[in-house]
Amino acid sequence: MPLCVFYTNVPDKDVPENFETDLAKIIAEVLSKPLEKVVVNVLPNQRMVAGGSSEPNCWMNLWSINVFDKERNPGYAAKLYPFITETLGIKSEKICLLFHAIEAYQKAMPS
């Protein structure tokens, strides 16, 4: 179950209405996970500075099971960066993606 929290200083009015849905679809595709299992939380209007500047920027935490490692992570980033830059107008050098590998036991499931 991929879990995503996306922080940005882009104003909410400038974030497309379907951004979280489209981001969930891309995450599902990139990680080869079912869309039904992807959770995305988008937090616009954040007070953020990247590289000493408050121009549009973002950082994204993405947790998932059995998909992250140093060999595959660059490929994931290569597919996520264009979506973010094209959709929100954030320069690639102002995007920070953090991939967190988790184990199945770390996510609670109903019995």
Protein backbone atom coordinates (compact mmCIF):
# COMPACT_ATOMS: atom_id res chain seq x y z
CA MET A 1 0.00 0.00 0.00
CA PRO A 2 1.88 3.10 -1.16
CA LEU A 3 1.34 6.08 1.12
CA CYS A 4 2.19 9.55 -0.16
CA VAL A 5 2.31 12.93 1.57
CA PHE A 6 3.01 15.79 -0.85
CA TYR A 7 3.95 19.19 0.60
CA THR A 8 4.14 22.33 -1.54
CA ASN A 9 4.08 26.08 -1.17
CA VAL A 10 2.02 26.34 -4.36
CA PRO A 11 -1.31 27.99 -3.45
CA ASP A 12 -4.29 25.67 -3.36
CA LYS A 13 -5.99 27.70 -6.09
CA ASP A 14 -3.09 26.80 -8.44
CA VAL A 15 -3.17 23.07 -7.72
CA PRO A 16 -5.43 21.32 -10.24
CA GLU A 17 -8.57 19.89 -8.70
CA ASN A 18 -7.63 16.35 -9.75
CA PHE A 19 -3.95 16.58 -8.76
CA GLU A 20 -4.11 14.00 -5.95
CA THR A 21 -6.03 11.55 -8.15
CA ASP A 22 -3.55 11.94 -11.00
CA LEU A 23 -0.61 11.62 -8.61
CA ALA A 24 -2.12 8.42 -7.19
CA LYS A 25 -2.45 7.00 -10.71
CA ILE A 26 1.16 7.78 -11.55
CA ILE A 27 2.39 6.29 -8.26
CA ALA A 28 0.39 3.11 -8.92
CA GLU A 29 1.82 2.86 -12.44
CA VAL A 30 5.42 3.67 -11.48
CA LEU A 31 5.48 1.25 -8.53
CA SER A 32 3.33 -1.43 -10.23
CA LYS A 33 0.86 -1.33 -7.36
CA PRO A 34 -2.96 -1.44 -7.54
CA LEU A 35 -4.49 2.04 -7.63
CA GLU A 36 -7.01 0.88 -5.01
CA LYS A 37 -4.13 0.57 -2.52
CA VAL A 38 -2.59 4.03 -3.07
CA VAL A 39 -3.20 6.80 -0.51
CA VAL A 40 -2.24 10.39 -1.37
CA ASN A 41 -2.43 13.46 0.87
CA VAL A 42 -1.66 16.83 -0.76
CA LEU A 43 -0.81 19.79 1.46
CA PRO A 44 -0.65 23.05 -0.54
CA ASN A 45 -0.03 26.55 0.87
CA GLN A 46 2.90 25.40 3.00
CA ARG A 47 5.42 27.94 4.28
CA MET A 48 8.50 26.45 2.63
CA VAL A 49 11.96 27.45 1.49
CA ALA A 50 14.18 25.37 -0.79
CA GLY A 51 17.72 26.45 -1.57
CA GLY A 52 17.15 29.73 0.25
CA SER A 53 14.22 30.67 -1.97
CA SER A 54 10.47 30.55 -1.49
CA GLU A 55 9.78 30.14 -5.22
CA PRO A 56 7.47 27.19 -5.95
CA ASN A 57 8.88 24.01 -4.45
CA CYS A 58 7.75 20.71 -3.00
CA TRP A 59 8.83 17.63 -1.18
CA MET A 60 7.12 14.30 -1.20
CA ASN A 61 7.36 11.39 1.21
CA LEU A 62 6.45 8.06 -0.37
CA TRP A 63 6.28 4.84 1.64
CA SER A 64 5.78 1.40 0.13
CA ILE A 65 6.60 -2.28 0.58
CA ASN A 66 9.23 -4.13 -1.48
CA VAL A 67 9.86 -1.52 -4.17
CA PHE A 68 12.57 0.91 -3.07
CA ASP A 69 16.30 0.44 -3.50
CA LYS A 70 19.23 2.35 -4.95
CA GLU A 71 18.88 0.69 -8.35
CA ARG A 72 15.16 1.36 -8.89
CA ASN A 73 14.69 4.72 -7.15
CA PRO A 74 16.23 6.84 -9.96
CA GLY A 75 13.74 5.32 -12.42
CA TYR A 76 10.83 6.22 -10.17
CA ALA A 77 12.08 9.80 -9.84
CA ALA A 78 12.53 10.09 -13.61
CA LYS A 79 8.81 9.40 -14.04
CA LEU A 80 7.55 11.52 -11.13
CA TYR A 81 9.57 14.69 -11.79
CA PRO A 82 7.99 15.46 -15.22
CA PHE A 83 4.48 15.06 -13.82
CA ILE A 84 5.20 17.50 -10.99
CA THR A 85 6.97 20.08 -13.17
CA GLU A 86 4.31 19.97 -15.90
CA THR A 87 1.34 20.00 -13.52
CA LEU A 88 2.50 22.51 -10.90
CA GLY A 89 5.25 24.44 -12.70
CA ILE A 90 7.85 23.56 -10.07
CA LYS A 91 11.43 23.48 -11.37
CA SER A 92 13.08 20.08 -11.00
CA GLU A 93 15.80 21.50 -8.73
CA LYS A 94 13.02 22.59 -6.33
CA ILE A 95 11.54 19.09 -6.02
CA CYS A 96 12.62 16.69 -3.28
CA LEU A 97 11.37 13.10 -3.33
CA LEU A 98 11.96 10.85 -0.33
CA PHE A 99 11.36 7.12 -0.78
CA HIS A 100 10.82 5.08 2.38
CA ALA A 101 10.98 1.29 2.29
CA ILE A 102 8.66 -0.31 4.82
CA GLU A 103 7.88 -3.89 5.78
CA ALA A 104 4.40 -5.37 5.56
CA TYR A 105 4.14 -5.69 9.35
CA GLN A 106 4.54 -1.91 9.71
CA LYS A 107 1.15 -1.23 8.14
CA ALA A 108 -1.91 -2.15 10.14
CA MET A 109 -4.65 -3.99 8.27
CA PRO A 110 -8.14 -4.85 9.47
CA SER A 111 -8.51 -8.49 10.47
